[in-house]
Amino acid sequence: MDWDALCFNVATLIAGVFVLDYGADKFIDHTVIIGRRLGISQTAIALLTAGAEWEELAVVVAAILQHRSPLALGNIIGSTISNILGAFSLGLLFYPHGLEFDRSAKLYSALLFLVTTLFVVLAFFNQFSRFVGGVLIAIFAIYVVSIIYAIYKGVASPPELSDSDSYGEYSGSDDGESVNHATISENDHLIENEHTPSSTDQRSRQSRSLTYHIFQLTLGFISLSLSGYILSHSAVTIADSLHFSGTVFGLTVVSFATTLPEKLVAILSGSRGHDGIMAATTAGSNIFLLTLCVGVVAVAGYQVQEADKIVLFELVVVWVSSLLLCAVIFLGMGRNAGLVLLAAYIGFLCLEFTVYRR
């Protein structure tokens, strides 16, 4: 074993965690502010940003270029399970009070269930042809267009400010402006308009402030993507010496590392009461994985040996996880459901390393 390379990648993994913490904090804070300023659902914003798993796509492409398609597909399956049972469950555990997801969260969780069902059927019959890959990529394109259309037509229900929001319940970073300050400054602007003929300077400040928050949101999103890329590649280097089959390796080690951003976003958004961000990150990430990423694997030509075949147990876990996500979002389940999901994830990992190891 190359101990120098191992130590370097361990250090890289630790550094990636710090980048992850920085990016998640900025992303959540400024998503909330921009959503309230523009009257756009936090769910829709998160679907287009944190719900896009570009770092996962980078891992998939890298595995394909190394002729390791089973590792790519195993990572996709493991990440879809980890996003729900590992990340979403943590968000439920840290949520401070009763859950009530908006219509957008329910819509896209139902869409995820349909996409998951389609994927399970294709995987069970091993129908990952290039034509099927093209269809999955087309479904992803339609999905993105649907989000943009929902924002444009106002289908995504805008969030409602609670009393606690209006009086400054905000756990922000050191970026200067909080949600409370943003809300009060806008109200002051409306009041001053009644007594001041011209408010050009105030409008300019408002415009600069919104631009600032958009920039910070973008910076947070880039940090999240960068951290996912760092964590995944360092984890691959560290754990590749264990000589697992490609599928099991992707299902466990790589998928756990690549979904660390989703886990931290779920914890922070849950603890701050932003259920829309928590649901959108989970649903959007899995739709991205099961359409675009699986489509890329299929188009590249999926070739698998006997030891790397996906077993029925893994497909059942993927499908049941998606069903449980729908149940939690539609019924508004809380911490008890989070405990059940987390216990199921631990059980899944234990079975992968024991009964279903390959």
Protein backbone atom coordinates (compact mmCIF):
# COMPACT_ATOMS: atom_id res chain seq x y z
CA MET A 1 0.00 0.00 0.00
CA ASP A 2 1.24 3.51 -0.87
CA TRP A 3 1.07 5.17 2.55
CA ASP A 4 1.97 8.61 1.20
CA ALA A 5 -0.97 8.53 -1.24
CA LEU A 6 -3.24 7.20 1.51
CA CYS A 7 -2.33 9.99 3.95
CA PHE A 8 -2.71 12.61 1.25
CA ASN A 9 -6.19 11.42 0.36
CA VAL A 10 -7.22 11.25 4.02
CA ALA A 11 -6.12 14.87 4.39
CA THR A 12 -7.99 15.74 1.19
CA LEU A 13 -11.12 14.07 2.57
CA ILE A 14 -10.92 16.15 5.76
CA ALA A 15 -10.39 19.35 3.75
CA GLY A 16 -13.39 18.45 1.61
CA VAL A 17 -15.56 18.26 4.72
CA PHE A 18 -14.64 21.86 5.62
CA VAL A 19 -15.47 23.03 2.08
CA LEU A 20 -18.74 21.14 2.39
CA ASP A 21 -19.67 22.89 5.65
CA TYR A 22 -18.93 26.31 4.15
CA GLY A 23 -20.94 25.64 0.99
CA ALA A 24 -23.96 24.13 2.77
CA ASP A 25 -24.24 27.07 5.16
CA LYS A 26 -24.14 29.66 2.40
CA PHE A 27 -26.47 27.70 0.16
CA ILE A 28 -29.27 27.33 2.72
CA ASP A 29 -29.10 30.88 4.06
CA HIS A 30 -29.27 32.59 0.68
CA THR A 31 -31.79 30.19 -0.84
CA VAL A 32 -34.22 31.26 1.88
CA ILE A 33 -33.57 34.96 1.30
CA ILE A 34 -33.86 34.79 -2.50
CA GLY A 35 -37.00 32.67 -2.30
CA ARG A 36 -38.71 35.23 -0.09
CA ARG A 37 -37.54 38.20 -2.12
CA LEU A 38 -38.79 36.79 -5.42
CA GLY A 39 -41.81 34.89 -4.08
CA ILE A 40 -40.43 31.61 -5.45
CA SER A 41 -40.76 28.35 -3.59
CA GLN A 42 -37.58 27.25 -1.83
CA THR A 43 -38.34 23.79 -3.21
CA ALA A 44 -38.04 25.01 -6.81
CA ILE A 45 -34.77 26.84 -6.15
CA ALA A 46 -33.24 23.83 -4.42
CA LEU A 47 -34.36 21.49 -7.22
CA LEU A 48 -32.39 23.51 -9.77
CA THR A 49 -29.29 23.91 -7.58
CA ALA A 50 -28.53 21.39 -4.82
CA GLY A 51 -30.82 18.88 -6.53
CA ALA A 52 -28.43 18.79 -9.50
CA GLU A 53 -25.79 16.14 -8.72
CA TRP A 54 -23.00 17.35 -11.01
CA GLU A 55 -20.32 15.85 -8.76
CA GLU A 56 -22.09 12.48 -9.04
CA LEU A 57 -22.10 12.83 -12.82
CA ALA A 58 -18.35 13.54 -12.70
CA VAL A 59 -17.78 10.32 -10.73
CA VAL A 60 -19.95 8.36 -13.19
CA VAL A 61 -18.09 9.73 -16.22
CA ALA A 62 -14.71 9.01 -14.56
CA ALA A 63 -15.75 5.41 -13.85
CA ILE A 64 -16.97 4.93 -17.42
CA LEU A 65 -13.69 6.25 -18.83
CA GLN A 66 -11.88 3.69 -16.67
CA HIS A 67 -14.20 0.96 -18.05
CA ARG A 68 -15.80 0.47 -14.63
CA SER A 69 -19.50 0.73 -15.44
CA PRO A 70 -20.53 -1.46 -12.46
CA LEU A 71 -18.85 1.05 -10.13
CA ALA A 72 -20.78 3.89 -11.79
CA LEU A 73 -24.16 2.15 -11.58
CA GLY A 74 -23.44 0.92 -8.05
CA ASN A 75 -22.65 4.48 -7.01
CA ILE A 76 -25.93 5.70 -8.51
CA ILE A 77 -28.00 3.07 -6.72
CA GLY A 78 -26.18 3.55 -3.43
CA SER A 79 -26.55 7.33 -3.65
CA THR A 80 -30.31 7.14 -4.25
CA ILE A 81 -30.65 4.96 -1.15
CA SER A 82 -28.30 7.13 0.90
CA ASN A 83 -30.10 10.35 -0.08
CA ILE A 84 -33.37 9.08 1.39
CA LEU A 85 -32.43 6.68 4.19
CA GLY A 86 -29.22 8.46 5.17
CA ALA A 87 -29.62 12.19 4.42
CA PHE A 88 -33.38 12.84 4.48
CA SER A 89 -33.71 10.83 7.71
CA LEU A 90 -31.16 13.10 9.40
CA GLY A 91 -33.14 16.15 8.30
CA LEU A 92 -36.27 14.70 9.91
CA LEU A 93 -34.41 14.00 13.14
CA PHE A 94 -33.13 17.58 13.39
CA TYR A 95 -36.41 19.25 12.39
CA PRO A 96 -37.59 21.36 15.37
CA HIS A 97 -41.39 21.07 15.01
CA GLY A 98 -44.26 19.63 12.93
CA LEU A 99 -43.68 19.12 9.21
CA GLU A 100 -45.94 20.42 6.44
CA PHE A 101 -44.46 20.08 2.97
CA ASP A 102 -45.70 22.33 0.16
CA ARG A 103 -47.34 21.22 -3.07
CA SER A 104 -44.06 21.32 -5.00
CA ALA A 105 -42.42 18.86 -2.61
CA LYS A 106 -45.37 16.46 -2.95
CA LEU A 107 -45.37 16.80 -6.74
CA TYR A 108 -41.69 16.03 -7.20
CA SER A 109 -41.63 13.23 -4.61
CA ALA A 110 -44.43 11.56 -6.60
CA LEU A 111 -42.45 12.12 -9.81
CA LEU A 112 -39.41 10.53 -8.15
CA PHE A 113 -41.47 7.47 -7.25
CA LEU A 114 -42.51 7.04 -10.90
CA VAL A 115 -38.92 7.47 -12.12
CA THR A 116 -37.67 5.00 -9.49
CA THR A 117 -40.28 2.43 -10.54
CA LEU A 118 -39.18 2.78 -14.17
CA PHE A 119 -35.52 2.36 -13.20
CA VAL A 120 -36.20 -0.74 -11.07
CA VAL A 121 -38.06 -2.39 -13.95
CA LEU A 122 -35.24 -1.60 -16.41
CA ALA A 123 -32.57 -2.83 -13.99
CA PHE A 124 -34.45 -6.03 -13.15
CA PHE A 125 -34.65 -7.01 -16.82
CA ASN A 126 -31.18 -5.54 -17.57
CA GLN A 127 -32.50 -3.24 -20.27
CA PHE A 128 -29.77 -0.59 -20.28
CA SER A 129 -29.43 -0.19 -24.03
CA ARG A 130 -28.29 2.99 -25.76
CA PHE A 131 -31.88 3.70 -26.81
CA VAL A 132 -33.08 3.44 -23.20
CA GLY A 133 -30.24 5.73 -22.16
CA GLY A 134 -31.37 8.34 -24.67
CA VAL A 135 -34.94 8.11 -23.36
CA LEU A 136 -33.77 8.63 -19.76
CA ILE A 137 -31.73 11.69 -20.74
CA ALA A 138 -34.80 13.07 -22.56
CA ILE A 139 -36.88 12.53 -19.40
CA PHE A 140 -34.30 14.53 -17.46
CA ALA A 141 -34.55 17.39 -19.97
CA ILE A 142 -38.36 17.41 -19.62
CA TYR A 143 -37.97 17.41 -15.82
CA VAL A 144 -35.75 20.52 -15.91
CA VAL A 145 -38.16 22.29 -18.24
CA SER A 146 -41.03 21.45 -15.88
CA ILE A 147 -39.26 23.16 -12.98
CA ILE A 148 -38.59 26.28 -15.04
CA TYR A 149 -42.20 26.28 -16.23
CA ALA A 150 -43.45 25.86 -12.66
CA ILE A 151 -41.45 28.88 -11.54
CA TYR A 152 -42.59 30.95 -14.51
CA LYS A 153 -46.28 30.17 -14.16
CA GLY A 154 -46.31 30.24 -10.38
CA VAL A 155 -47.28 26.58 -10.03
CA ALA A 156 -44.69 26.13 -7.28
CA SER A 157 -46.52 27.49 -4.25
CA PRO A 158 -44.67 30.45 -2.67
CA PRO A 159 -43.64 30.11 0.96
CA GLU A 160 -45.64 31.93 3.62
CA LEU A 161 -43.88 33.99 6.25
CA SER A 162 -44.67 32.93 9.78
CA ASP A 163 -44.61 35.27 12.76
CA SER A 164 -41.27 33.89 13.84
CA ASP A 165 -39.84 34.57 10.37
CA SER A 166 -41.08 38.16 10.46
CA TYR A 167 -39.42 38.84 13.78
CA GLY A 168 -36.04 37.45 12.92
CA GLU A 169 -35.79 33.69 13.35
CA TYR A 170 -32.71 33.09 11.24
CA SER A 171 -29.58 31.11 11.78
CA GLY A 172 -27.22 32.71 9.31
CA SER A 173 -23.55 32.82 8.60
CA ASP A 174 -21.38 35.92 8.85
CA ASP A 175 -22.54 37.32 5.53
CA GLY A 176 -23.91 40.52 6.98
CA GLU A 177 -27.60 40.56 6.08
CA SER A 178 -30.13 38.26 7.75
CA VAL A 179 -33.62 37.33 6.66
CA ASN A 180 -35.03 39.58 9.36
CA HIS A 181 -33.00 42.54 8.15
CA ALA A 182 -34.04 41.87 4.56
CA THR A 183 -37.73 41.75 5.49
CA ILE A 184 -37.59 44.88 7.66
CA SER A 185 -35.61 46.88 5.11
CA GLU A 186 -38.18 46.10 2.43
CA ASN A 187 -41.05 47.11 4.71
CA ASP A 188 -39.24 50.35 5.60
CA HIS A 189 -38.80 51.01 1.90
CA LEU A 190 -42.56 50.75 1.32
CA ILE A 191 -43.33 53.01 4.28
CA GLU A 192 -40.83 55.65 3.18
CA ASN A 193 -42.32 55.68 -0.31
CA GLU A 194 -45.47 57.19 1.15
CA HIS A 195 -43.56 60.29 2.32
CA THR A 196 -40.65 60.46 -0.14
CA PRO A 197 -41.27 61.37 -3.80
CA SER A 198 -38.14 59.63 -5.09
CA SER A 199 -36.62 56.38 -3.88
CA THR A 200 -34.14 55.61 -6.67
CA ASP A 201 -31.23 55.13 -4.26
CA GLN A 202 -33.22 52.73 -2.12
CA ARG A 203 -34.26 50.70 -5.15
CA SER A 204 -30.64 50.56 -6.27
CA ARG A 205 -29.63 49.25 -2.86
CA GLN A 206 -32.42 46.66 -3.03
CA SER A 207 -31.21 45.55 -6.46
CA ARG A 208 -27.60 45.28 -5.31
CA SER A 209 -28.71 43.34 -2.24
CA LEU A 210 -30.59 40.75 -4.32
CA THR A 211 -27.61 40.44 -6.66
CA TYR A 212 -25.38 39.91 -3.65
CA HIS A 213 -27.54 37.06 -2.37
CA ILE A 214 -27.67 35.43 -5.81
CA PHE A 215 -23.87 35.58 -5.93
CA GLN A 216 -23.61 34.05 -2.46
CA LEU A 217 -26.06 31.29 -3.43
CA THR A 218 -23.97 30.52 -6.51
CA LEU A 219 -20.80 30.48 -4.41
CA GLY A 220 -22.42 28.08 -1.95
CA PHE A 221 -23.58 25.81 -4.77
CA ILE A 222 -20.10 25.75 -6.34
CA SER A 223 -18.62 24.90 -2.94
CA LEU A 224 -21.09 22.03 -2.51
CA SER A 225 -20.24 20.63 -5.94
CA LEU A 226 -16.50 21.02 -5.34
CA SER A 227 -16.74 19.29 -1.96
CA GLY A 228 -18.65 16.37 -3.48
CA TYR A 229 -15.98 15.96 -6.15
CA ILE A 230 -13.16 16.09 -3.57
CA LEU A 231 -14.88 13.69 -1.17
CA SER A 232 -15.78 11.14 -3.82
CA HIS A 233 -12.36 10.94 -5.44
CA SER A 234 -10.47 10.79 -2.15
CA ALA A 235 -12.85 8.07 -0.89
CA VAL A 236 -12.30 6.03 -4.07
CA THR A 237 -8.53 6.17 -3.63
CA ILE A 238 -8.71 5.27 0.06
CA ALA A 239 -11.14 2.37 -0.27
CA ASP A 240 -10.09 0.87 -3.62
CA SER A 241 -7.43 -1.19 -1.84
CA LEU A 242 -10.21 -3.19 -0.11
CA HIS A 243 -10.81 -5.08 -3.40
CA PHE A 244 -14.61 -5.01 -3.28
CA SER A 245 -16.58 -5.71 -6.42
CA GLY A 246 -17.34 -2.56 -8.36
CA THR A 247 -21.05 -2.66 -7.57
CA VAL A 248 -20.65 -3.12 -3.81
CA PHE A 249 -17.89 -0.52 -3.70
CA GLY A 250 -20.15 2.01 -5.42
CA LEU A 251 -23.18 1.05 -3.33
CA THR A 252 -21.42 1.63 -0.02
CA VAL A 253 -18.18 3.60 0.20
CA VAL A 254 -18.42 5.85 -2.86
CA SER A 255 -22.14 6.58 -2.48
CA PHE A 256 -21.68 7.48 1.20
CA ALA A 257 -18.89 9.93 0.34
CA THR A 258 -20.65 11.55 -2.61
CA THR A 259 -23.86 12.11 -0.60
CA LEU A 260 -22.16 13.87 2.31
CA PRO A 261 -23.23 17.26 0.87
CA GLU A 262 -26.87 16.10 0.84
CA LYS A 263 -26.53 14.85 4.42
CA LEU A 264 -25.20 18.17 5.70
CA VAL A 265 -27.75 20.19 3.71
CA ALA A 266 -30.52 18.00 5.15
CA ILE A 267 -29.26 18.47 8.71
CA LEU A 268 -28.89 22.24 8.40
CA SER A 269 -32.16 22.80 6.53
CA GLY A 270 -34.02 20.51 8.93
CA SER A 271 -32.62 22.17 12.06
CA ARG A 272 -33.57 25.60 10.67
CA GLY A 273 -37.10 24.52 9.74
CA HIS A 274 -36.73 24.70 5.94
CA ASP A 275 -38.58 21.52 4.97
CA GLY A 276 -38.89 22.57 1.32
CA ILE A 277 -35.11 22.65 0.84
CA MET A 278 -34.76 19.30 2.62
CA ALA A 279 -37.36 17.60 0.41
CA ALA A 280 -36.17 19.20 -2.82
CA THR A 281 -32.54 18.23 -2.27
CA THR A 282 -33.54 14.60 -1.80
CA ALA A 283 -36.10 14.31 -4.61
CA GLY A 284 -34.11 16.41 -7.09
CA SER A 285 -30.87 14.53 -6.44
CA ASN A 286 -32.46 11.14 -7.01
CA ILE A 287 -34.29 12.20 -10.17
CA PHE A 288 -30.99 13.56 -11.49
CA LEU A 289 -29.25 10.27 -10.68
CA LEU A 290 -31.91 7.92 -12.07
CA THR A 291 -32.42 9.83 -15.32
CA LEU A 292 -29.33 11.71 -16.49
CA CYS A 293 -26.64 9.63 -14.72
CA VAL A 294 -28.21 6.25 -15.53
CA GLY A 295 -28.82 7.50 -19.07
CA VAL A 296 -25.13 8.34 -19.48
CA VAL A 297 -24.14 4.86 -18.23
CA ALA A 298 -26.55 3.21 -20.67
CA VAL A 299 -25.48 5.35 -23.65
CA ALA A 300 -21.82 4.56 -22.90
CA GLY A 301 -22.61 0.84 -23.01
CA TYR A 302 -23.24 -0.96 -19.73
CA GLN A 303 -21.18 -4.16 -19.48
CA VAL A 304 -21.27 -6.22 -16.30
CA GLN A 305 -19.72 -9.44 -15.06
CA GLU A 306 -21.49 -12.00 -12.88
CA ALA A 307 -19.88 -10.79 -9.64
CA ASP A 308 -21.00 -7.21 -10.31
CA LYS A 309 -24.65 -7.87 -11.09
CA ILE A 310 -27.25 -5.93 -9.13
CA VAL A 311 -29.20 -8.23 -6.83
CA LEU A 312 -32.95 -8.03 -6.29
CA PHE A 313 -32.47 -6.95 -2.67
CA GLU A 314 -30.80 -3.70 -3.79
CA LEU A 315 -33.55 -2.89 -6.27
CA VAL A 316 -36.20 -3.53 -3.62
CA VAL A 317 -34.42 -1.16 -1.22
CA VAL A 318 -34.30 1.55 -3.91
CA TRP A 319 -38.03 1.22 -4.64
CA VAL A 320 -39.14 0.99 -1.00
CA SER A 321 -36.99 4.01 -0.09
CA SER A 322 -38.75 6.11 -2.71
CA LEU A 323 -42.14 4.88 -1.49
CA LEU A 324 -41.24 5.81 2.10
CA LEU A 325 -40.15 9.28 0.98
CA CYS A 326 -43.56 9.83 -0.63
CA ALA A 327 -45.32 8.62 2.51
CA VAL A 328 -43.32 10.96 4.76
CA ILE A 329 -43.88 14.00 2.54
CA PHE A 330 -47.59 13.42 1.91
CA LEU A 331 -48.39 12.50 5.53
CA GLY A 332 -46.02 14.99 7.17
CA MET A 333 -44.24 12.42 9.34
CA GLY A 334 -41.54 13.64 11.70
CA ARG A 335 -38.74 12.34 13.89
CA ASN A 336 -40.13 8.84 14.40
CA ALA A 337 -40.05 8.32 10.63
CA GLY A 338 -36.50 9.68 10.60
CA LEU A 339 -35.43 7.05 13.13
CA VAL A 340 -37.03 4.28 11.06
CA LEU A 341 -35.32 5.46 7.85
CA LEU A 342 -31.93 5.79 9.51
CA ALA A 343 -32.21 2.32 11.08
CA ALA A 344 -33.13 0.93 7.66
CA TYR A 345 -30.01 2.54 6.14
CA ILE A 346 -27.74 1.02 8.79
CA GLY A 347 -29.40 -2.36 8.19
CA PHE A 348 -28.87 -2.01 4.43
CA LEU A 349 -25.14 -1.30 4.86
CA CYS A 350 -24.74 -4.24 7.24
CA LEU A 351 -26.43 -6.61 4.79
CA GLU A 352 -24.30 -5.34 1.90
CA PHE A 353 -21.10 -6.08 3.80
CA THR A 354 -22.28 -9.51 5.05
CA VAL A 355 -25.10 -11.40 3.34
CA TYR A 356 -24.96 -9.74 -0.10
CA ARG A 357 -21.21 -9.10 -0.35
CA ARG A 358 -19.71 -10.00 -3.74
